[in-house]
Amino acid sequence: MYLGGLAKNRKVIITKEGDIKEEIRSDKLAKSLPRKAFTPIQIVSQKPKTVWVATIELELSRFKEKKTIAIVMNTPVFNDATDIDYFIVGYRLRGKRQ
């Protein structure tokens, strides 16, 4: 399994109703998501904290198949967030790039 950073201005391709594809920046996608798309996750460490995470399956221009991205924020509302991270998550087969 791998986790990589994704730039907030990275263009991603989402599939809307009716199989219509739209290219959108990852930060604009995050802003468009409803509050219920984010799940609170408690991080247990010396300094516990809660983050809100949304995962979305979409396309990236460099990959042939769909990928999952995770948007992680320090509040449940995009406009209130002061710390937003974008990640690409997936599995890598031994010896092959996906």
C-alpha atoms as a PDB file:
ATOM      1  CA  MET A   1       0.000   0.000   0.000  1.00  0.00           C
ATOM      2  CA  TYR A   2       1.222   3.510  -0.668  1.00  0.00           C
ATOM      3  CA  LEU A   3       0.306   7.040   0.332  1.00  0.00           C
ATOM      4  CA  GLY A   4       1.498  10.021  -1.652  1.00  0.00           C
ATOM      5  CA  GLY A   5       0.903  13.729  -1.535  1.00  0.00           C
ATOM      6  CA  LEU A   6      -1.322  15.407  -4.086  1.00  0.00           C
ATOM      7  CA  ALA A   7      -1.086  19.119  -4.898  1.00  0.00           C
ATOM      8  CA  LYS A   8      -4.178  21.159  -4.142  1.00  0.00           C
ATOM      9  CA  ASN A   9      -4.080  22.570  -7.671  1.00  0.00           C
ATOM     10  CA  ARG A  10      -3.774  19.105  -9.298  1.00  0.00           C
ATOM     11  CA  LYS A  11      -6.497  18.556 -11.871  1.00  0.00           C
ATOM     12  CA  VAL A  12      -8.527  15.413 -11.339  1.00  0.00           C
ATOM     13  CA  ILE A  13     -11.328  13.914 -13.408  1.00  0.00           C
ATOM     14  CA  ILE A  14     -14.588  13.129 -11.659  1.00  0.00           C
ATOM     15  CA  THR A  15     -17.568  11.246 -13.099  1.00  0.00           C
ATOM     16  CA  LYS A  16     -20.871  12.988 -12.589  1.00  0.00           C
ATOM     17  CA  GLU A  17     -24.388  11.680 -13.136  1.00  0.00           C
ATOM     18  CA  GLY A  18     -24.942  10.198 -16.568  1.00  0.00           C
ATOM     19  CA  ASP A  19     -21.250   9.259 -16.888  1.00  0.00           C
ATOM     20  CA  ILE A  20     -20.345  12.879 -17.643  1.00  0.00           C
ATOM     21  CA  LYS A  21     -16.693  13.543 -16.836  1.00  0.00           C
ATOM     22  CA  GLU A  22     -15.473  16.848 -15.454  1.00  0.00           C
ATOM     23  CA  GLU A  23     -11.926  18.039 -14.886  1.00  0.00           C
ATOM     24  CA  ILE A  24     -11.595  19.956 -11.625  1.00  0.00           C
ATOM     25  CA  ARG A  25      -8.823  21.036  -9.261  1.00  0.00           C
ATOM     26  CA  SER A  26      -8.541  18.922  -6.121  1.00  0.00           C
ATOM     27  CA  ASP A  27      -9.113  21.954  -3.847  1.00  0.00           C
ATOM     28  CA  LYS A  28     -12.250  22.959  -5.774  1.00  0.00           C
ATOM     29  CA  LEU A  29     -13.481  19.363  -5.476  1.00  0.00           C
ATOM     30  CA  ALA A  30     -12.900  19.437  -1.701  1.00  0.00           C
ATOM     31  CA  LYS A  31     -14.796  22.713  -1.413  1.00  0.00           C
ATOM     32  CA  SER A  32     -17.748  21.260  -3.348  1.00  0.00           C
ATOM     33  CA  LEU A  33     -18.150  18.209  -1.096  1.00  0.00           C
ATOM     34  CA  PRO A  34     -21.010  18.226   1.411  1.00  0.00           C
ATOM     35  CA  ARG A  35     -20.185  18.153   5.115  1.00  0.00           C
ATOM     36  CA  LYS A  36     -21.540  14.599   5.371  1.00  0.00           C
ATOM     37  CA  ALA A  37     -18.802  13.415   2.958  1.00  0.00           C
ATOM     38  CA  PHE A  38     -16.246  13.903   5.753  1.00  0.00           C
ATOM     39  CA  THR A  39     -15.846  11.349   8.527  1.00  0.00           C
ATOM     40  CA  PRO A  40     -14.247  12.326  11.860  1.00  0.00           C
ATOM     41  CA  ILE A  41     -11.178  10.232  12.643  1.00  0.00           C
ATOM     42  CA  GLN A  42      -9.486  10.343  16.053  1.00  0.00           C
ATOM     43  CA  ILE A  43      -5.691  10.241  15.786  1.00  0.00           C
ATOM     44  CA  VAL A  44      -4.234   8.622  18.877  1.00  0.00           C
ATOM     45  CA  SER A  45      -0.778   9.913  19.768  1.00  0.00           C
ATOM     46  CA  GLN A  46       0.919  11.877  22.518  1.00  0.00           C
ATOM     47  CA  LYS A  47      -1.236  14.786  21.416  1.00  0.00           C
ATOM     48  CA  PRO A  48      -4.581  13.264  20.265  1.00  0.00           C
ATOM     49  CA  LYS A  49      -6.564  15.162  17.665  1.00  0.00           C
ATOM     50  CA  THR A  50      -9.532  14.727  15.373  1.00  0.00           C
ATOM     51  CA  VAL A  51      -9.320  15.142  11.606  1.00  0.00           C
ATOM     52  CA  TRP A  52     -12.095  14.928   9.030  1.00  0.00           C
ATOM     53  CA  VAL A  53     -11.469  12.681   6.042  1.00  0.00           C
ATOM     54  CA  ALA A  54     -13.260  12.218   2.727  1.00  0.00           C
ATOM     55  CA  THR A  55     -12.192   9.608   0.192  1.00  0.00           C
ATOM     56  CA  ILE A  56     -13.138   9.816  -3.465  1.00  0.00           C
ATOM     57  CA  GLU A  57     -12.497   7.483  -6.370  1.00  0.00           C
ATOM     58  CA  LEU A  58     -11.581   9.400  -9.528  1.00  0.00           C
ATOM     59  CA  GLU A  59      -9.222   9.564 -12.470  1.00  0.00           C
ATOM     60  CA  LEU A  60      -5.830  11.199 -12.749  1.00  0.00           C
ATOM     61  CA  SER A  61      -4.385  11.889 -16.170  1.00  0.00           C
ATOM     62  CA  ARG A  62      -1.198   9.861 -15.541  1.00  0.00           C
ATOM     63  CA  PHE A  63      -2.954   6.652 -14.516  1.00  0.00           C
ATOM     64  CA  LYS A  64      -4.987   4.231 -16.621  1.00  0.00           C
ATOM     65  CA  GLU A  65      -7.372   3.148 -13.887  1.00  0.00           C
ATOM     66  CA  LYS A  66      -9.278   5.031 -11.217  1.00  0.00           C
ATOM     67  CA  LYS A  67      -7.450   6.016  -8.038  1.00  0.00           C
ATOM     68  CA  THR A  68      -8.603   6.939  -4.565  1.00  0.00           C
ATOM     69  CA  ILE A  69      -7.738  10.283  -3.064  1.00  0.00           C
ATOM     70  CA  ALA A  70      -8.177  11.288   0.575  1.00  0.00           C
ATOM     71  CA  ILE A  71      -8.863  14.850   1.649  1.00  0.00           C
ATOM     72  CA  VAL A  72      -7.894  15.458   5.283  1.00  0.00           C
ATOM     73  CA  MET A  73      -8.937  18.629   7.140  1.00  0.00           C
ATOM     74  CA  ASN A  74      -8.640  19.940  10.679  1.00  0.00           C
ATOM     75  CA  THR A  75     -12.346  20.941  10.769  1.00  0.00           C
ATOM     76  CA  PRO A  76     -15.503  19.414   9.276  1.00  0.00           C
ATOM     77  CA  VAL A  77     -16.141  22.514   7.095  1.00  0.00           C
ATOM     78  CA  PHE A  78     -13.838  23.399   4.179  1.00  0.00           C
ATOM     79  CA  ASN A  79     -14.168  27.184   4.638  1.00  0.00           C
ATOM     80  CA  ASP A  80     -13.191  26.917   8.325  1.00  0.00           C
ATOM     81  CA  ALA A  81     -10.200  24.617   7.751  1.00  0.00           C
ATOM     82  CA  THR A  82      -6.706  25.986   8.294  1.00  0.00           C
ATOM     83  CA  ASP A  83      -4.936  22.710   7.496  1.00  0.00           C
ATOM     84  CA  ILE A  84      -5.990  20.698   4.435  1.00  0.00           C
ATOM     85  CA  ASP A  85      -3.983  17.825   2.968  1.00  0.00           C
ATOM     86  CA  TYR A  86      -4.577  15.861  -0.220  1.00  0.00           C
ATOM     87  CA  PHE A  87      -3.324  12.286  -0.631  1.00  0.00           C
ATOM     88  CA  ILE A  88      -3.424   9.589  -3.259  1.00  0.00           C
ATOM     89  CA  VAL A  89      -3.779   6.111  -1.789  1.00  0.00           C
ATOM     90  CA  GLY A  90      -3.534   2.712  -3.391  1.00  0.00           C
ATOM     91  CA  TYR A  91      -1.815  -0.607  -3.730  1.00  0.00           C
ATOM     92  CA  ARG A  92       1.345  -1.298  -5.660  1.00  0.00           C
ATOM     93  CA  LEU A  93       1.945  -4.745  -7.019  1.00  0.00           C
ATOM     94  CA  ARG A  94       5.483  -5.981  -6.461  1.00  0.00           C
ATOM     95  CA  GLY A  95       7.622  -5.029  -9.451  1.00  0.00           C
ATOM     96  CA  LYS A  96       4.860  -3.132 -11.262  1.00  0.00           C
ATOM     97  CA  ARG A  97       3.857   0.511 -11.276  1.00  0.00           C
ATOM     98  CA  GLN A  98       0.194   1.388 -11.158  1.00  0.00           C
END
